[in-house]
């Protein structure tokens, strides 16, 4: 989960810096980092779910997951969505023709 948080932080920083500098390569790298963040968080929560169900399911009859667990699943969906949107923004910037050079006119 720590690797997921670090990857998400890097993806957000790359995305924000790409809009400041106007480079599309950072947008693509930020999108990849956000998708990687979603996969790492998905892996971490899947392992946590399996271990928790096996532990608490056998020992306690009345237990449930907390609000932070639900927010983590929402965060996974949002990280994937942000990564996909950044990759779409990269595709849009890559297919647009470059602006005309005023000095050549």
PDB file of N, CA and C in Angstrom:
ATOM      1  N   UNK A   1       0.830  -1.186   0.000  1.00  0.00           N
ATOM      2  CA  UNK A   1       0.000   0.000   0.000  1.00  0.00           C
ATOM      3  C   UNK A   1       0.877   1.254   0.000  1.00  0.00           C
ATOM      4  N   UNK A   2       2.019   1.161   0.660  1.00  0.00           N
ATOM      5  CA  UNK A   2       2.935   2.298   0.670  1.00  0.00           C
ATOM      6  C   UNK A   2       3.447   2.595  -0.740  1.00  0.00           C
ATOM      7  N   UNK A   3       3.752   1.568  -1.500  1.00  0.00           N
ATOM      8  CA  UNK A   3       4.191   1.775  -2.882  1.00  0.00           C
ATOM      9  C   UNK A   3       3.069   2.390  -3.722  1.00  0.00           C
ATOM     10  N   UNK A   4       1.849   2.024  -3.419  1.00  0.00           N
ATOM     11  CA  UNK A   4       0.709   2.610  -4.125  1.00  0.00           C
ATOM     12  C   UNK A   4       0.585   4.097  -3.833  1.00  0.00           C
ATOM     13  N   UNK A   5       0.738   4.468  -2.591  1.00  0.00           N
ATOM     14  CA  UNK A   5       0.639   5.887  -2.218  1.00  0.00           C
ATOM     15  C   UNK A   5       1.767   6.686  -2.864  1.00  0.00           C
ATOM     16  N   UNK A   6       2.977   6.149  -2.849  1.00  0.00           N
ATOM     17  CA  UNK A   6       4.112   6.844  -3.467  1.00  0.00           C
ATOM     18  C   UNK A   6       3.926   6.975  -4.976  1.00  0.00           C
ATOM     19  N   UNK A   7       3.426   5.926  -5.612  1.00  0.00           N
ATOM     20  CA  UNK A   7       3.188   5.978  -7.050  1.00  0.00           C
ATOM     21  C   UNK A   7       2.087   6.980  -7.393  1.00  0.00           C
ATOM     22  N   UNK A   8       1.060   7.036  -6.574  1.00  0.00           N
ATOM     23  CA  UNK A   8      -0.020   7.998  -6.795  1.00  0.00           C
ATOM     24  C   UNK A   8       0.491   9.429  -6.636  1.00  0.00           C
ATOM     25  N   UNK A   9       1.308   9.653  -5.629  1.00  0.00           N
ATOM     26  CA  UNK A   9       1.884  10.973  -5.412  1.00  0.00           C
ATOM     27  C   UNK A   9       2.739  11.387  -6.608  1.00  0.00           C
ATOM     28  N   UNK A  10       3.544  10.458  -7.118  1.00  0.00           N
ATOM     29  CA  UNK A  10       4.382  10.756  -8.281  1.00  0.00           C
ATOM     30  C   UNK A  10       3.523  11.037  -9.511  1.00  0.00           C
ATOM     31  N   UNK A  11       2.451  10.280  -9.692  1.00  0.00           N
ATOM     32  CA  UNK A  11       1.572  10.496 -10.831  1.00  0.00           C
ATOM     33  C   UNK A  11       0.882  11.845 -10.792  1.00  0.00           C
ATOM     34  N   UNK A  12       0.445  12.252  -9.614  1.00  0.00           N
ATOM     35  CA  UNK A  12      -0.201  13.555  -9.480  1.00  0.00           C
ATOM     36  C   UNK A  12       0.805  14.672  -9.742  1.00  0.00           C
ATOM     37  N   UNK A  13       2.008  14.550  -9.183  1.00  0.00           N
ATOM     38  CA  UNK A  13       3.026  15.580  -9.420  1.00  0.00           C
ATOM     39  C   UNK A  13       3.419  15.666 -10.892  1.00  0.00           C
ATOM     40  N   UNK A  14       3.564  14.519 -11.543  1.00  0.00           N
ATOM     41  CA  UNK A  14       3.903  14.543 -12.963  1.00  0.00           C
ATOM     42  C   UNK A  14       2.779  15.149 -13.788  1.00  0.00           C
ATOM     43  N   UNK A  15       1.556  14.846 -13.442  1.00  0.00           N
ATOM     44  CA  UNK A  15       0.424  15.419 -14.166  1.00  0.00           C
ATOM     45  C   UNK A  15       0.328  16.914 -13.998  1.00  0.00           C
ATOM     46  N   UNK A  16       0.518  17.389 -12.783  1.00  0.00           N
ATOM     47  CA  UNK A  16       0.453  18.829 -12.544  1.00  0.00           C
ATOM     48  C   UNK A  16       1.618  19.563 -13.190  1.00  0.00           C
ATOM     49  N   UNK A  17       2.803  18.982 -13.137  1.00  0.00           N
ATOM     50  CA  UNK A  17       3.956  19.642 -13.754  1.00  0.00           C
ATOM     51  C   UNK A  17       3.866  19.623 -15.276  1.00  0.00           C
ATOM     52  N   UNK A  18       3.173  18.641 -15.834  1.00  0.00           N
ATOM     53  CA  UNK A  18       3.020  18.591 -17.291  1.00  0.00           C
ATOM     54  C   UNK A  18       2.141  19.731 -17.776  1.00  0.00           C
ATOM     55  N   UNK A  19       1.130  20.090 -17.008  1.00  0.00           N
ATOM     56  CA  UNK A  19       0.278  21.192 -17.422  1.00  0.00           C
ATOM     57  C   UNK A  19       0.998  22.529 -17.274  1.00  0.00           C
ATOM     58  N   UNK A  20       1.933  22.606 -16.361  1.00  0.00           N
ATOM     59  CA  UNK A  20       2.696  23.842 -16.199  1.00  0.00           C
ATOM     60  C   UNK A  20       3.721  24.006 -17.324  1.00  0.00           C
ATOM     61  N   UNK A  21       4.358  22.898 -17.732  1.00  0.00           N
ATOM     62  CA  UNK A  21       5.392  22.958 -18.757  1.00  0.00           C
ATOM     63  C   UNK A  21       4.864  22.678 -20.158  1.00  0.00           C
ATOM     64  N   UNK A  22       3.723  22.025 -20.259  1.00  0.00           N
ATOM     65  CA  UNK A  22       3.149  21.734 -21.565  1.00  0.00           C
ATOM     66  C   UNK A  22       3.755  20.532 -22.265  1.00  0.00           C
ATOM     67  N   UNK A  23       4.421  19.645 -21.561  1.00  0.00           N
ATOM     68  CA  UNK A  23       4.999  18.467 -22.184  1.00  0.00           C
ATOM     69  C   UNK A  23       4.038  17.295 -22.040  1.00  0.00           C
ATOM     70  N   UNK A  24       3.810  16.592 -23.143  1.00  0.00           N
ATOM     71  CA  UNK A  24       2.877  15.475 -23.111  1.00  0.00           C
ATOM     72  C   UNK A  24       3.532  14.197 -22.582  1.00  0.00           C
ATOM     73  N   UNK A  25       4.835  14.148 -22.577  1.00  0.00           N
ATOM     74  CA  UNK A  25       5.522  12.949 -22.087  1.00  0.00           C
ATOM     75  C   UNK A  25       5.297  12.766 -20.591  1.00  0.00           C
ATOM     76  N   UNK A  26       5.241  13.860 -19.851  1.00  0.00           N
ATOM     77  CA  UNK A  26       4.973  13.768 -18.417  1.00  0.00           C
ATOM     78  C   UNK A  26       3.536  13.349 -18.145  1.00  0.00           C
ATOM     79  N   UNK A  27       2.638  13.727 -19.027  1.00  0.00           N
ATOM     80  CA  UNK A  27       1.241  13.314 -18.875  1.00  0.00           C
ATOM     81  C   UNK A  27       1.138  11.800 -18.987  1.00  0.00           C
ATOM     82  N   UNK A  28       1.821  11.229 -19.985  1.00  0.00           N
ATOM     83  CA  UNK A  28       1.802   9.776 -20.159  1.00  0.00           C
ATOM     84  C   UNK A  28       2.440   9.068 -18.976  1.00  0.00           C
ATOM     85  N   UNK A  29       3.574   9.569 -18.510  1.00  0.00           N
ATOM     86  CA  UNK A  29       4.246   8.948 -17.368  1.00  0.00           C
ATOM     87  C   UNK A  29       3.398   9.063 -16.108  1.00  0.00           C
ATOM     88  N   UNK A  30       2.743  10.194 -15.922  1.00  0.00           N
ATOM     89  CA  UNK A  30       1.848  10.355 -14.782  1.00  0.00           C
ATOM     90  C   UNK A  30       0.663   9.415 -14.854  1.00  0.00           C
ATOM     91  N   UNK A  31       0.112   9.216 -16.032  1.00  0.00           N
ATOM     92  CA  UNK A  31      -0.987   8.266 -16.210  1.00  0.00           C
ATOM     93  C   UNK A  31      -0.574   6.840 -15.905  1.00  0.00           C
ATOM     94  N   UNK A  32       0.616   6.470 -16.355  1.00  0.00           N
ATOM     95  CA  UNK A  32       1.132   5.129 -16.062  1.00  0.00           C
ATOM     96  C   UNK A  32       1.349   4.964 -14.562  1.00  0.00           C
ATOM     97  N   UNK A  33       1.862   5.993 -13.902  1.00  0.00           N
ATOM     98  CA  UNK A  33       2.082   5.925 -12.455  1.00  0.00           C
ATOM     99  C   UNK A  33       0.763   5.791 -11.699  1.00  0.00           C
ATOM    100  N   UNK A  34      -0.280   6.480 -12.153  1.00  0.00           N
ATOM    101  CA  UNK A  34      -1.576   6.375 -11.483  1.00  0.00           C
ATOM    102  C   UNK A  34      -2.218   5.006 -11.705  1.00  0.00           C
ATOM    103  N   UNK A  35      -2.090   4.458 -12.893  1.00  0.00           N
ATOM    104  CA  UNK A  35      -2.614   3.110 -13.136  1.00  0.00           C
ATOM    105  C   UNK A  35      -1.842   2.087 -12.308  1.00  0.00           C
ATOM    106  N   UNK A  36      -0.520   2.247 -12.231  1.00  0.00           N
ATOM    107  CA  UNK A  36       0.289   1.372 -11.380  1.00  0.00           C
ATOM    108  C   UNK A  36      -0.133   1.496  -9.918  1.00  0.00           C
ATOM    109  N   UNK A  37      -0.436   2.708  -9.497  1.00  0.00           N
ATOM    110  CA  UNK A  37      -0.908   2.927  -8.134  1.00  0.00           C
ATOM    111  C   UNK A  37      -2.208   2.179  -7.872  1.00  0.00           C
ATOM    112  N   UNK A  38      -3.120   2.216  -8.835  1.00  0.00           N
ATOM    113  CA  UNK A  38      -4.371   1.485  -8.690  1.00  0.00           C
ATOM    114  C   UNK A  38      -4.153  -0.014  -8.600  1.00  0.00           C
ATOM    115  N   UNK A  39      -3.248  -0.556  -9.424  1.00  0.00           N
ATOM    116  CA  UNK A  39      -2.957  -1.988  -9.366  1.00  0.00           C
ATOM    117  C   UNK A  39      -2.314  -2.384  -8.033  1.00  0.00           C
ATOM    118  N   UNK A  40      -1.390  -1.572  -7.554  1.00  0.00           N
ATOM    119  CA  UNK A  40      -0.740  -1.889  -6.277  1.00  0.00           C
ATOM    120  C   UNK A  40      -1.727  -1.826  -5.116  1.00  0.00           C
ATOM    121  N   UNK A  41      -2.608  -0.838  -5.122  1.00  0.00           N
ATOM    122  CA  UNK A  41      -3.624  -0.745  -4.071  1.00  0.00           C
ATOM    123  C   UNK A  41      -4.609  -1.904  -4.174  1.00  0.00           C
ATOM    124  N   UNK A  42      -4.958  -2.292  -5.391  1.00  0.00           N
ATOM    125  CA  UNK A  42      -5.842  -3.443  -5.584  1.00  0.00           C
ATOM    126  C   UNK A  42      -5.207  -4.714  -5.026  1.00  0.00           C
ATOM    127  N   UNK A  43      -3.934  -4.891  -5.279  1.00  0.00           N
ATOM    128  CA  UNK A  43      -3.217  -6.042  -4.741  1.00  0.00           C
ATOM    129  C   UNK A  43      -3.180  -6.016  -3.216  1.00  0.00           C
ATOM    130  N   UNK A  44      -2.881  -4.857  -2.656  1.00  0.00           N
ATOM    131  CA  UNK A  44      -2.795  -4.747  -1.194  1.00  0.00           C
ATOM    132  C   UNK A  44      -4.146  -5.007  -0.534  1.00  0.00           C
ATOM    133  N   UNK A  45      -5.211  -4.441  -1.075  1.00  0.00           N
ATOM    134  CA  UNK A  45      -6.528  -4.648  -0.465  1.00  0.00           C
ATOM    135  C   UNK A  45      -7.041  -6.062  -0.685  1.00  0.00           C
ATOM    136  N   UNK A  46      -6.682  -6.690  -1.780  1.00  0.00           N
ATOM    137  CA  UNK A  46      -7.074  -8.076  -1.994  1.00  0.00           C
ATOM    138  C   UNK A  46      -6.416  -8.993  -0.975  1.00  0.00           C
ATOM    139  N   UNK A  47      -5.149  -8.781  -0.744  1.00  0.00           N
ATOM    140  CA  UNK A  47      -4.446  -9.587   0.264  1.00  0.00           C
ATOM    141  C   UNK A  47      -5.013  -9.313   1.648  1.00  0.00           C
ATOM    142  N   UNK A  48      -5.266  -8.045   1.958  1.00  0.00           N
ATOM    143  CA  UNK A  48      -5.834  -7.692   3.255  1.00  0.00           C
ATOM    144  C   UNK A  48      -7.207  -8.324   3.455  1.00  0.00           C
ATOM    145  N   UNK A  49      -8.024  -8.309   2.400  1.00  0.00           N
ATOM    146  CA  UNK A  49      -9.358  -8.895   2.496  1.00  0.00           C
ATOM    147  C   UNK A  49      -9.282 -10.393   2.756  1.00  0.00           C
ATOM    148  N   UNK A  50      -8.429 -11.086   2.014  1.00  0.00           N
ATOM    149  CA  UNK A  50      -8.302 -12.534   2.195  1.00  0.00           C
ATOM    150  C   UNK A  50      -7.818 -12.913   3.571  1.00  0.00           C
ATOM    151  N   UNK A  51      -6.815 -12.219   4.073  1.00  0.00           N
ATOM    152  CA  UNK A  51      -6.274 -12.534   5.398  1.00  0.00           C
ATOM    153  C   UNK A  51      -7.284 -12.198   6.487  1.00  0.00           C
ATOM    154  N   UNK A  52      -7.969 -11.062   6.350  1.00  0.00           N
ATOM    155  CA  UNK A  52      -8.933 -10.646   7.362  1.00  0.00           C
ATOM    156  C   UNK A  52     -10.124 -11.591   7.424  1.00  0.00           C
ATOM    157  N   UNK A  53     -10.647 -11.992   6.269  1.00  0.00           N
ATOM    158  CA  UNK A  53     -11.791 -12.904   6.255  1.00  0.00           C
ATOM    159  C   UNK A  53     -11.409 -14.248   6.860  1.00  0.00           C
ATOM    160  N   UNK A  54     -10.219 -14.744   6.545  1.00  0.00           N
ATOM    161  CA  UNK A  54      -9.790 -16.018   7.114  1.00  0.00           C
ATOM    162  C   UNK A  54      -9.574 -15.917   8.615  1.00  0.00           C
ATOM    163  N   UNK A  55      -9.086 -14.796   9.098  1.00  0.00           N
ATOM    164  CA  UNK A  55      -8.813 -14.644  10.527  1.00  0.00           C
ATOM    165  C   UNK A  55     -10.090 -14.378  11.318  1.00  0.00           C
ATOM    166  N   UNK A  56     -10.823 -13.331  10.938  1.00  0.00           N
ATOM    167  CA  UNK A  56     -12.005 -12.950  11.707  1.00  0.00           C
ATOM    168  C   UNK A  56     -13.195 -13.860  11.438  1.00  0.00           C
ATOM    169  N   UNK A  57     -13.289 -14.415  10.249  1.00  0.00           N
ATOM    170  CA  UNK A  57     -14.411 -15.283   9.922  1.00  0.00           C
ATOM    171  C   UNK A  57     -14.453 -16.537  10.766  1.00  0.00           C
ATOM    172  N   UNK A  58     -13.309 -17.024  11.194  1.00  0.00           N
ATOM    173  CA  UNK A  58     -13.242 -18.236  12.011  1.00  0.00           C
ATOM    174  C   UNK A  58     -13.359 -17.951  13.499  1.00  0.00           C
ATOM    175  N   UNK A  59     -12.989 -16.758  13.930  1.00  0.00           N
ATOM    176  CA  UNK A  59     -12.922 -16.478  15.357  1.00  0.00           C
ATOM    177  C   UNK A  59     -14.095 -15.657  15.905  1.00  0.00           C
ATOM    178  N   UNK A  60     -14.652 -14.780  15.089  1.00  0.00           N
ATOM    179  CA  UNK A  60     -15.709 -13.884  15.553  1.00  0.00           C
ATOM    180  C   UNK A  60     -16.929 -14.021  14.648  1.00  0.00           C
ATOM    181  N   UNK A  61     -18.086 -13.949  15.241  1.00  0.00           N
ATOM    182  CA  UNK A  61     -19.317 -14.048  14.462  1.00  0.00           C
ATOM    183  C   UNK A  61     -19.794 -12.696  13.956  1.00  0.00           C
ATOM    184  N   UNK A  62     -19.589 -11.644  14.755  1.00  0.00           N
ATOM    185  CA  UNK A  62     -20.094 -10.319  14.401  1.00  0.00           C
ATOM    186  C   UNK A  62     -18.928  -9.369  14.176  1.00  0.00           C
ATOM    187  N   UNK A  63     -18.494  -9.233  12.932  1.00  0.00           N
ATOM    188  CA  UNK A  63     -17.417  -8.313  12.587  1.00  0.00           C
ATOM    189  C   UNK A  63     -17.741  -7.711  11.226  1.00  0.00           C
ATOM    190  N   UNK A  64     -17.114  -6.597  10.923  1.00  0.00           N
ATOM    191  CA  UNK A  64     -17.326  -5.932   9.635  1.00  0.00           C
ATOM    192  C   UNK A  64     -16.114  -5.078   9.307  1.00  0.00           C
ATOM    193  N   UNK A  65     -16.037  -4.692   8.038  1.00  0.00           N
ATOM    194  CA  UNK A  65     -14.984  -3.788   7.612  1.00  0.00           C
ATOM    195  C   UNK A  65     -15.375  -2.366   7.967  1.00  0.00           C
ATOM    196  N   UNK A  66     -14.401  -1.517   8.171  1.00  0.00           N
ATOM    197  CA  UNK A  66     -14.645  -0.148   8.601  1.00  0.00           C
ATOM    198  C   UNK A  66     -14.763   0.787   7.395  1.00  0.00           C
ATOM    199  N   UNK A  67     -15.009   2.058   7.679  1.00  0.00           N
ATOM    200  CA  UNK A  67     -15.185   3.072   6.641  1.00  0.00           C
ATOM    201  C   UNK A  67     -13.900   3.287   5.845  1.00  0.00           C
ATOM    202  N   UNK A  68     -12.752   3.127   6.469  1.00  0.00           N
ATOM    203  CA  UNK A  68     -11.493   3.354   5.760  1.00  0.00           C
ATOM    204  C   UNK A  68     -11.264   2.290   4.687  1.00  0.00           C
ATOM    205  N   UNK A  69     -11.751   1.090   4.937  1.00  0.00           N
ATOM    206  CA  UNK A  69     -11.652   0.020   3.954  1.00  0.00           C
ATOM    207  C   UNK A  69     -12.475   0.366   2.711  1.00  0.00           C
ATOM    208  N   UNK A  70     -13.662   0.891   2.921  1.00  0.00           N
ATOM    209  CA  UNK A  70     -14.523   1.281   1.808  1.00  0.00           C
ATOM    210  C   UNK A  70     -13.904   2.458   1.051  1.00  0.00           C
ATOM    211  N   UNK A  71     -13.327   3.411   1.772  1.00  0.00           N
ATOM    212  CA  UNK A  71     -12.664   4.540   1.111  1.00  0.00           C
ATOM    213  C   UNK A  71     -11.454   4.084   0.295  1.00  0.00           C
ATOM    214  N   UNK A  72     -10.783   3.049   0.741  1.00  0.00           N
ATOM    215  CA  UNK A  72      -9.647   2.525  -0.021  1.00  0.00           C
ATOM    216  C   UNK A  72     -10.119   1.947  -1.355  1.00  0.00           C
ATOM    217  N   UNK A  73     -11.248   1.247  -1.377  1.00  0.00           N
ATOM    218  CA  UNK A  73     -11.779   0.729  -2.636  1.00  0.00           C
ATOM    219  C   UNK A  73     -12.230   1.864  -3.545  1.00  0.00           C
ATOM    220  N   UNK A  74     -12.805   2.905  -2.980  1.00  0.00           N
ATOM    221  CA  UNK A  74     -13.173   4.080  -3.784  1.00  0.00           C
ATOM    222  C   UNK A  74     -11.907   4.733  -4.347  1.00  0.00           C
ATOM    223  N   UNK A  75     -10.847   4.784  -3.539  1.00  0.00           N
ATOM    224  CA  UNK A  75      -9.580   5.342  -3.994  1.00  0.00           C
ATOM    225  C   UNK A  75      -8.980   4.561  -5.154  1.00  0.00           C
ATOM    226  N   UNK A  76      -9.142   3.244  -5.146  1.00  0.00           N
ATOM    227  CA  UNK A  76      -8.652   2.425  -6.254  1.00  0.00           C
ATOM    228  C   UNK A  76      -9.375   2.799  -7.545  1.00  0.00           C
ATOM    229  N   UNK A  77     -10.682   2.930  -7.455  1.00  0.00           N
ATOM    230  CA  UNK A  77     -11.460   3.299  -8.636  1.00  0.00           C
ATOM    231  C   UNK A  77     -11.035   4.674  -9.141  1.00  0.00           C
ATOM    232  N   UNK A  78     -10.842   5.618  -8.230  1.00  0.00           N
ATOM    233  CA  UNK A  78     -10.445   6.968  -8.633  1.00  0.00           C
ATOM    234  C   UNK A  78      -9.032   7.001  -9.207  1.00  0.00           C
ATOM    235  N   UNK A  79      -8.113   6.195  -8.669  1.00  0.00           N
ATOM    236  CA  UNK A  79      -6.749   6.153  -9.206  1.00  0.00           C
ATOM    237  C   UNK A  79      -6.747   5.592 -10.623  1.00  0.00           C
ATOM    238  N   UNK A  80      -7.508   4.513 -10.850  1.00  0.00           N
ATOM    239  CA  UNK A  80      -7.613   3.974 -12.207  1.00  0.00           C
ATOM    240  C   UNK A  80      -8.225   5.001 -13.157  1.00  0.00           C
ATOM    241  N   UNK A  81      -9.285   5.664 -12.710  1.00  0.00           N
ATOM    242  CA  UNK A  81      -9.951   6.652 -13.563  1.00  0.00           C
ATOM    243  C   UNK A  81      -9.010   7.813 -13.897  1.00  0.00           C
ATOM    244  N   UNK A  82      -8.266   8.297 -12.915  1.00  0.00           N
ATOM    245  CA  UNK A  82      -7.324   9.395 -13.164  1.00  0.00           C
ATOM    246  C   UNK A  82      -6.237   8.961 -14.138  1.00  0.00           C
ATOM    247  N   UNK A  83      -5.742   7.743 -13.998  1.00  0.00           N
ATOM    248  CA  UNK A  83      -4.730   7.244 -14.919  1.00  0.00           C
ATOM    249  C   UNK A  83      -5.256   7.109 -16.336  1.00  0.00           C
ATOM    250  N   UNK A  84      -6.477   6.600 -16.467  1.00  0.00           N
ATOM    251  CA  UNK A  84      -7.074   6.452 -17.796  1.00  0.00           C
ATOM    252  C   UNK A  84      -7.320   7.820 -18.422  1.00  0.00           C
ATOM    253  N   UNK A  85      -7.802   8.772 -17.634  1.00  0.00           N
ATOM    254  CA  UNK A  85      -8.041  10.112 -18.170  1.00  0.00           C
ATOM    255  C   UNK A  85      -6.733  10.779 -18.589  1.00  0.00           C
ATOM    256  N   UNK A  86      -5.671  10.571 -17.838  1.00  0.00           N
ATOM    257  CA  UNK A  86      -4.388  11.157 -18.243  1.00  0.00           C
ATOM    258  C   UNK A  86      -3.860  10.488 -19.505  1.00  0.00           C
ATOM    259  N   UNK A  87      -4.065   9.194 -19.631  1.00  0.00           N
ATOM    260  CA  UNK A  87      -3.637   8.521 -20.861  1.00  0.00           C
ATOM    261  C   UNK A  87      -4.467   9.012 -22.057  1.00  0.00           C
ATOM    262  N   UNK A  88      -5.750   9.278 -21.831  1.00  0.00           N
ATOM    263  CA  UNK A  88      -6.581   9.845 -22.906  1.00  0.00           C
ATOM    264  C   UNK A  88      -6.115  11.256 -23.258  1.00  0.00           C
ATOM    265  N   UNK A  89      -5.723  12.026 -22.260  1.00  0.00           N
ATOM    266  CA  UNK A  89      -5.203  13.370 -22.519  1.00  0.00           C
ATOM    267  C   UNK A  89      -3.900  13.292 -23.304  1.00  0.00           C
ATOM    268  N   UNK A  90      -3.079  12.293 -23.024  1.00  0.00           N
ATOM    269  CA  UNK A  90      -1.840  12.115 -23.784  1.00  0.00           C
ATOM    270  C   UNK A  90      -2.162  11.761 -25.235  1.00  0.00           C
ATOM    271  N   UNK A  91      -3.127  10.868 -25.447  1.00  0.00           N
ATOM    272  CA  UNK A  91      -3.488  10.478 -26.813  1.00  0.00           C
ATOM    273  C   UNK A  91      -4.037  11.668 -27.588  1.00  0.00           C
ATOM    274  N   UNK A  92      -4.809  12.511 -26.912  1.00  0.00           N
ATOM    275  CA  UNK A  92      -5.374  13.685 -27.574  1.00  0.00           C
ATOM    276  C   UNK A  92      -4.266  14.660 -27.967  1.00  0.00           C
ATOM    277  N   UNK A  93      -3.297  14.871 -27.066  1.00  0.00           N
ATOM    278  CA  UNK A  93      -2.195  15.783 -27.367  1.00  0.00           C
ATOM    279  C   UNK A  93      -1.270  15.210 -28.434  1.00  0.00           C
ATOM    280  N   UNK A  94      -1.130  13.899 -28.476  1.00  0.00           N
ATOM    281  CA  UNK A  94      -0.236  13.289 -29.458  1.00  0.00           C
ATOM    282  C   UNK A  94      -0.823  13.335 -30.853  1.00  0.00           C
ATOM    283  N   UNK A  95      -2.161  13.339 -30.984  1.00  0.00           N
ATOM    284  CA  UNK A  95      -2.776  13.335 -32.311  1.00  0.00           C
ATOM    285  C   UNK A  95      -3.050  14.731 -32.843  1.00  0.00           C
ATOM    286  N   UNK A  96      -3.028  15.748 -32.002  1.00  0.00           N
ATOM    287  CA  UNK A  96      -3.259  17.114 -32.463  1.00  0.00           C
ATOM    288  C   UNK A  96      -2.062  17.615 -33.254  1.00  0.00           C
ATOM    289  N   UNK A  97      -2.313  18.328 -34.337  1.00  0.00           N
ATOM    290  CA  UNK A  97      -1.175  18.890 -35.088  1.00  0.00           C
ATOM    291  C   UNK A  97      -0.522  20.010 -34.273  1.00  0.00           C
ATOM    292  N   UNK A  98       0.759  20.208 -34.457  1.00  0.00           N
ATOM    293  CA  UNK A  98       1.416  21.270 -33.715  1.00  0.00           C
ATOM    294  C   UNK A  98       0.908  22.633 -34.169  1.00  0.00           C
ATOM    295  N   UNK A  99       0.908  23.626 -33.286  1.00  0.00           N
ATOM    296  CA  UNK A  99       0.442  24.953 -33.685  1.00  0.00           C
ATOM    297  C   UNK A  99       1.380  25.543 -34.723  1.00  0.00           C
ATOM    298  N   UNK A 100       0.840  26.370 -35.629  1.00  0.00           N
ATOM    299  CA  UNK A 100       1.696  26.952 -36.670  1.00  0.00           C
ATOM    300  C   UNK A 100       2.720  27.904 -36.063  1.00  0.00           C
ATOM    301  N   UNK A 101       3.890  27.908 -36.629  1.00  0.00           N
ATOM    302  CA  UNK A 101       4.972  28.764 -36.162  1.00  0.00           C
ATOM    303  C   UNK A 101       4.782  30.139 -36.782  1.00  0.00           C
ATOM    304  N   UNK A 102       4.660  31.112 -35.960  1.00  0.00           N
ATOM    305  CA  UNK A 102       4.418  32.494 -36.435  1.00  0.00           C
ATOM    306  C   UNK A 102       5.652  33.040 -37.158  1.00  0.00           C
ATOM    307  N   UNK A 103       6.840  32.636 -36.758  1.00  0.00           N
ATOM    308  CA  UNK A 103       8.066  33.146 -37.360  1.00  0.00           C
ATOM    309  C   UNK A 103       8.218  32.682 -38.806  1.00  0.00           C
ATOM    310  N   UNK A 104       7.615  31.522 -39.172  1.00  0.00           N
ATOM    311  CA  UNK A 104       7.715  31.023 -40.547  1.00  0.00           C
ATOM    312  C   UNK A 104       6.806  31.760 -41.505  1.00  0.00           C
ATOM    313  N   UNK A 105       5.819  32.481 -41.033  1.00  0.00           N
ATOM    314  CA  UNK A 105       4.861  33.157 -41.918  1.00  0.00           C
ATOM    315  C   UNK A 105       5.468  34.358 -42.586  1.00  0.00           C
TER     316      UNK A 105
END
